[in-house]
Protein backbone atom coordinates (compact mmCIF):
# COMPACT_ATOMS: atom_id res chain seq x y z
CA MET A 1 34.61 -22.71 -86.11
CA ASN A 2 33.94 -21.29 -89.59
CA TYR A 3 32.59 -17.67 -89.20
CA PHE A 4 32.21 -17.47 -92.95
CA ASN A 5 29.88 -20.39 -93.65
CA SER A 6 26.28 -19.79 -92.54
CA ASN A 7 25.38 -23.40 -92.87
CA SER A 8 27.49 -24.27 -89.70
CA SER A 9 25.62 -26.13 -87.11
CA SER A 10 27.23 -24.35 -84.10
CA VAL A 11 25.82 -23.85 -80.70
CA PRO A 12 26.47 -20.07 -80.57
CA LYS A 13 24.41 -19.73 -83.76
CA ASP A 14 21.41 -21.58 -82.19
CA ILE A 15 21.76 -19.65 -78.82
CA ILE A 16 21.74 -16.36 -80.90
CA LEU A 17 18.70 -17.44 -82.81
CA LEU A 18 16.92 -18.28 -79.54
CA ALA A 19 17.78 -15.04 -77.94
CA VAL A 20 16.60 -13.06 -81.03
CA ARG A 21 13.45 -15.09 -81.20
CA VAL A 22 12.59 -14.43 -77.59
CA PHE A 23 13.61 -10.81 -77.46
CA VAL A 24 11.85 -9.80 -80.62
CA GLY A 25 8.69 -12.05 -79.70
CA PHE A 26 8.25 -10.43 -76.37
CA ALA A 27 8.87 -6.96 -77.92
CA MET A 28 6.16 -7.54 -80.47
CA LEU A 29 3.95 -8.95 -77.81
CA SER A 30 4.07 -5.45 -76.18
CA HIS A 31 2.44 -4.09 -79.56
CA GLY A 32 -0.01 -6.81 -79.92
CA PHE A 33 -1.38 -7.16 -76.29
CA PRO A 34 -2.90 -3.67 -76.42
CA LYS A 35 -4.53 -4.56 -79.60
CA LEU A 36 -5.87 -7.65 -78.12
CA GLN A 37 -7.29 -5.65 -75.22
CA MET A 38 -8.91 -3.26 -77.61
CA LEU A 39 -10.53 -6.14 -79.38
CA LEU A 40 -11.82 -7.85 -76.26
CA GLU A 41 -13.32 -4.62 -74.84
CA GLY A 42 -15.98 -4.73 -77.25
CA GLY A 43 -16.31 -0.87 -77.76
CA LYS A 44 -16.11 0.77 -81.18
CA ILE A 45 -13.06 -0.21 -82.94
CA GLU A 46 -11.14 2.52 -84.64
CA PHE A 47 -8.44 0.80 -86.62
CA PHE A 48 -6.78 0.98 -89.98
CA ASP A 49 -8.73 -0.65 -92.64
CA PHE A 50 -6.19 -1.61 -95.34
CA ILE A 51 -8.14 -3.78 -97.93
CA GLY A 52 -11.71 -2.85 -97.22
CA LEU A 53 -12.49 -5.81 -94.83
CA GLY A 54 -13.49 -3.38 -92.15
CA PRO A 55 -11.62 -2.37 -89.05
CA THR A 56 -12.64 -5.16 -86.79
CA VAL A 57 -11.41 -7.74 -89.28
CA THR A 58 -8.17 -6.00 -89.95
CA LEU A 59 -7.73 -5.66 -86.17
CA VAL A 60 -8.38 -9.42 -85.67
CA LEU A 61 -5.76 -10.19 -88.40
CA THR A 62 -3.29 -7.69 -86.68
CA VAL A 63 -3.82 -9.42 -83.28
CA ILE A 64 -3.16 -12.86 -84.80
CA ALA A 65 -0.01 -11.76 -86.29
CA GLU A 66 1.18 -9.60 -83.57
CA PHE A 67 0.13 -11.64 -80.55
CA VAL A 68 -0.41 -15.20 -81.50
CA CYS A 69 2.45 -15.45 -83.97
CA SER A 70 4.72 -13.80 -81.55
CA ILE A 71 4.04 -16.57 -78.82
CA LEU A 72 4.60 -19.12 -81.72
CA LEU A 73 7.97 -17.40 -82.49
CA ILE A 74 9.13 -17.45 -78.90
CA LEU A 75 8.40 -21.05 -78.81
CA GLY A 76 9.81 -21.86 -82.08
CA LEU A 77 6.69 -23.66 -83.02
CA PHE A 78 5.45 -23.18 -86.88
CA THR A 79 8.28 -20.46 -86.97
CA ARG A 80 8.39 -19.76 -90.76
CA ILE A 81 4.50 -19.82 -91.05
CA SER A 82 4.36 -17.27 -88.16
CA LEU A 83 7.06 -15.15 -89.66
CA GLY A 84 5.12 -15.10 -92.97
CA PHE A 85 2.26 -13.32 -90.90
CA LEU A 86 4.62 -11.09 -89.10
CA ILE A 87 6.53 -10.20 -92.22
CA PHE A 88 3.23 -9.33 -94.03
CA THR A 89 1.97 -7.19 -91.22
CA MET A 90 5.05 -5.23 -90.76
CA THR A 91 5.30 -4.61 -94.56
CA ILE A 92 1.75 -3.19 -94.35
CA ALA A 93 2.65 -1.26 -91.23
CA ALA A 94 5.68 0.30 -92.84
CA PHE A 95 4.63 0.99 -96.30
CA VAL A 96 0.65 1.37 -96.23
CA VAL A 97 -0.08 2.52 -92.62
CA HIS A 98 3.05 4.77 -92.37
CA GLY A 99 3.73 5.00 -95.89
CA ALA A 100 3.38 8.85 -96.13
CA ASP A 101 4.98 9.45 -92.83
CA PRO A 102 8.47 10.39 -92.28
CA PHE A 103 11.16 7.66 -91.71
CA ASP A 104 11.11 7.91 -87.85
CA LYS A 105 7.46 6.68 -87.85
CA LYS A 106 8.17 3.82 -90.07
CA GLU A 107 11.58 2.88 -88.58
CA MET A 108 10.26 0.48 -85.89
CA SER A 109 8.25 -1.53 -88.29
CA LEU A 110 11.26 -1.84 -90.72
CA ILE A 111 13.51 -2.87 -87.95
CA TYR A 112 11.04 -5.64 -87.01
CA LEU A 113 10.71 -6.58 -90.69
CA SER A 114 14.43 -6.85 -91.31
CA VAL A 115 14.79 -9.21 -88.11
CA TYR A 116 11.83 -11.30 -89.37
CA LEU A 117 13.42 -11.72 -92.76
CA LEU A 118 16.74 -12.79 -91.18
CA LEU A 119 14.75 -15.25 -88.98
CA MET A 120 12.88 -16.58 -92.10
CA VAL A 121 16.16 -17.17 -93.77
CA PHE A 122 18.14 -18.86 -90.89
CA GLY A 123 14.97 -20.52 -89.34
CA ALA A 124 14.29 -21.09 -85.62
CA GLY A 125 17.52 -23.00 -84.74
CA LYS A 126 18.00 -26.13 -82.77
CA VAL A 127 16.64 -24.58 -79.59
CA SER A 128 12.95 -24.78 -80.93
CA VAL A 129 9.85 -26.82 -80.94
CA ASP A 130 10.23 -27.08 -84.68
CA HIS A 131 13.56 -28.53 -84.48
CA MET A 132 12.32 -31.11 -81.70
CA ILE A 133 9.36 -32.19 -84.00
CA GLU A 134 11.77 -32.63 -86.95
CA LYS A 135 14.08 -34.50 -84.91
CA ARG A 136 11.36 -36.82 -83.66
CA LYS A 137 10.00 -37.31 -87.16
CA ARG A 138 13.45 -38.47 -88.45
CA ALA A 139 13.77 -40.92 -85.55
CA SER A 140 10.40 -42.45 -86.20
CA ASP A 141 10.20 -42.16 -89.83
CA TRP A 142 6.88 -40.52 -90.18
């Protein structure tokens, strides 16, 4: 096994990518699910309005990123598209929502952001729905 080549198609790499996707996906779900509940309760929504779309629209976009995209990340389905939404959301959380806060308030969103960036570079791995779709495409010459 070549430990210095990131292009290697090794089983351990795919297992680690799966483990990271599942762990980080479920961890982000724990942040997205309360926001989904807040959205579904139907009461007055008090949420950060970052580009003037209103707190409800901003909350819907955040729920899509933190809840829906996290489920897609766990499955490895539309992984890089989902990561785009998650990266955008964590960038806004770290540098806009918590921009004036001390580092300990931004730390969690920066950690998520760094993991999402790594997953964006390495992809979902072979243990993913994306890989199964790609494998089937190649077999049937879509």
